[in-house]
Amino acid sequence: MKRVLWVLAGLVVVAALVLLLLSSDNGRAPETLPTVTVTRGDIVDRALAVGTIEPRVELSVKSQVAGVVRRLFVDAGDYE
């Protein structure tokens, strides 16, 4: 039982030393970050892209049954 206590005490001491070494600043001055003053204004975000959009996979959608659509129960743009 005494041996377990000594091992645990040793682990606590080693953990404390590791934390002490990792938390020290090694004598360096604290790093200063650049700052700016806050001003009110409008947010403007613009993007310009030139090119074509190409699908990864092109599918052909075909009906398995021939017929006439008599009623359409959704509007263009409906989702769900």
C-alpha atoms as a PDB file:
ATOM      1  CA  MET A   1       0.000   0.000   0.000  1.00  0.00           C
ATOM      2  CA  LYS A   2       2.871   2.359   0.815  1.00  0.00           C
ATOM      3  CA  ARG A   3       4.409   1.679  -2.570  1.00  0.00           C
ATOM      4  CA  VAL A   4       1.210   2.755  -4.371  1.00  0.00           C
ATOM      5  CA  LEU A   5       1.136   5.986  -2.377  1.00  0.00           C
ATOM      6  CA  TRP A   6       4.763   6.748  -3.240  1.00  0.00           C
ATOM      7  CA  VAL A   7       4.106   6.111  -6.937  1.00  0.00           C
ATOM      8  CA  LEU A   8       1.044   8.368  -6.885  1.00  0.00           C
ATOM      9  CA  ALA A   9       2.976  11.086  -5.042  1.00  0.00           C
ATOM     10  CA  GLY A  10       5.762  10.853  -7.610  1.00  0.00           C
ATOM     11  CA  LEU A  11       3.282  11.151 -10.483  1.00  0.00           C
ATOM     12  CA  VAL A  12       1.728  14.229  -8.890  1.00  0.00           C
ATOM     13  CA  VAL A  13       5.166  15.845  -8.518  1.00  0.00           C
ATOM     14  CA  VAL A  14       6.096  15.052 -12.140  1.00  0.00           C
ATOM     15  CA  ALA A  15       2.752  16.414 -13.401  1.00  0.00           C
ATOM     16  CA  ALA A  16       3.236  19.609 -11.372  1.00  0.00           C
ATOM     17  CA  LEU A  17       6.744  20.101 -12.817  1.00  0.00           C
ATOM     18  CA  VAL A  18       5.509  19.554 -16.373  1.00  0.00           C
ATOM     19  CA  LEU A  19       2.698  22.082 -15.893  1.00  0.00           C
ATOM     20  CA  LEU A  20       5.132  24.572 -14.374  1.00  0.00           C
ATOM     21  CA  LEU A  21       7.531  24.254 -17.300  1.00  0.00           C
ATOM     22  CA  LEU A  22       4.791  24.506 -19.925  1.00  0.00           C
ATOM     23  CA  SER A  23       3.148  27.536 -18.326  1.00  0.00           C
ATOM     24  CA  SER A  24       6.328  29.578 -17.901  1.00  0.00           C
ATOM     25  CA  ASP A  25       6.971  32.356 -20.421  1.00  0.00           C
ATOM     26  CA  ASN A  26      10.721  31.621 -20.601  1.00  0.00           C
ATOM     27  CA  GLY A  27      11.600  35.296 -19.969  1.00  0.00           C
ATOM     28  CA  ARG A  28      10.067  36.516 -23.229  1.00  0.00           C
ATOM     29  CA  ALA A  29       8.060  39.706 -23.389  1.00  0.00           C
ATOM     30  CA  PRO A  30       4.359  39.192 -24.060  1.00  0.00           C
ATOM     31  CA  GLU A  31       3.485  39.350 -27.721  1.00  0.00           C
ATOM     32  CA  THR A  32       1.508  42.461 -28.663  1.00  0.00           C
ATOM     33  CA  LEU A  33      -1.176  42.137 -31.282  1.00  0.00           C
ATOM     34  CA  PRO A  34      -2.110  44.896 -33.719  1.00  0.00           C
ATOM     35  CA  THR A  35      -5.342  46.712 -32.887  1.00  0.00           C
ATOM     36  CA  VAL A  36      -7.673  49.001 -34.820  1.00  0.00           C
ATOM     37  CA  THR A  37     -10.361  51.433 -33.784  1.00  0.00           C
ATOM     38  CA  VAL A  38     -13.970  50.502 -34.416  1.00  0.00           C
ATOM     39  CA  THR A  39     -15.983  52.612 -36.844  1.00  0.00           C
ATOM     40  CA  ARG A  40     -19.569  52.351 -38.052  1.00  0.00           C
ATOM     41  CA  GLY A  41     -20.213  51.883 -41.728  1.00  0.00           C
ATOM     42  CA  ASP A  42     -21.941  49.836 -44.376  1.00  0.00           C
ATOM     43  CA  ILE A  43     -20.796  46.325 -45.130  1.00  0.00           C
ATOM     44  CA  VAL A  44     -20.078  45.872 -48.809  1.00  0.00           C
ATOM     45  CA  ASP A  45     -19.196  42.481 -50.181  1.00  0.00           C
ATOM     46  CA  ARG A  46     -18.858  41.901 -53.885  1.00  0.00           C
ATOM     47  CA  ALA A  47     -17.728  38.911 -55.859  1.00  0.00           C
ATOM     48  CA  LEU A  48     -17.109  38.496 -59.548  1.00  0.00           C
ATOM     49  CA  ALA A  49     -16.698  35.123 -61.152  1.00  0.00           C
ATOM     50  CA  VAL A  50     -16.313  34.328 -64.805  1.00  0.00           C
ATOM     51  CA  GLY A  51     -16.702  30.839 -66.161  1.00  0.00           C
ATOM     52  CA  THR A  52     -19.139  28.010 -66.595  1.00  0.00           C
ATOM     53  CA  ILE A  53     -20.702  25.682 -64.077  1.00  0.00           C
ATOM     54  CA  GLU A  54     -20.427  22.057 -65.063  1.00  0.00           C
ATOM     55  CA  PRO A  55     -22.068  19.159 -63.205  1.00  0.00           C
ATOM     56  CA  ARG A  56     -20.013  16.285 -61.862  1.00  0.00           C
ATOM     57  CA  VAL A  57     -22.607  13.807 -63.131  1.00  0.00           C
ATOM     58  CA  GLU A  58     -25.223  14.451 -65.795  1.00  0.00           C
ATOM     59  CA  LEU A  59     -28.469  12.525 -65.393  1.00  0.00           C
ATOM     60  CA  SER A  60     -31.347  11.984 -67.750  1.00  0.00           C
ATOM     61  CA  VAL A  61     -34.729  11.957 -65.987  1.00  0.00           C
ATOM     62  CA  LYS A  62     -37.440  10.064 -67.846  1.00  0.00           C
ATOM     63  CA  SER A  63     -40.915   8.955 -66.920  1.00  0.00           C
ATOM     64  CA  GLN A  64     -41.639   5.252 -66.853  1.00  0.00           C
ATOM     65  CA  VAL A  65     -45.300   5.820 -67.718  1.00  0.00           C
ATOM     66  CA  ALA A  66     -46.644   7.813 -70.641  1.00  0.00           C
ATOM     67  CA  GLY A  67     -49.554  10.150 -69.978  1.00  0.00           C
ATOM     68  CA  VAL A  68     -50.831  13.683 -69.508  1.00  0.00           C
ATOM     69  CA  VAL A  69     -50.417  15.763 -66.332  1.00  0.00           C
ATOM     70  CA  ARG A  70     -53.897  17.065 -65.459  1.00  0.00           C
ATOM     71  CA  ARG A  71     -53.146  18.837 -62.152  1.00  0.00           C
ATOM     72  CA  LEU A  72     -49.968  20.089 -60.520  1.00  0.00           C
ATOM     73  CA  PHE A  73     -50.125  20.229 -56.700  1.00  0.00           C
ATOM     74  CA  VAL A  74     -47.059  22.433 -56.137  1.00  0.00           C
ATOM     75  CA  ASP A  75     -45.885  25.829 -57.314  1.00  0.00           C
ATOM     76  CA  ALA A  76     -42.517  26.587 -58.846  1.00  0.00           C
ATOM     77  CA  GLY A  77     -39.975  26.927 -56.033  1.00  0.00           C
ATOM     78  CA  ASP A  78     -41.935  24.964 -53.424  1.00  0.00           C
ATOM     79  CA  TYR A  79     -39.830  22.704 -51.248  1.00  0.00           C
ATOM     80  CA  GLU A  80     -40.874  19.987 -48.808  1.00  0.00           C
END
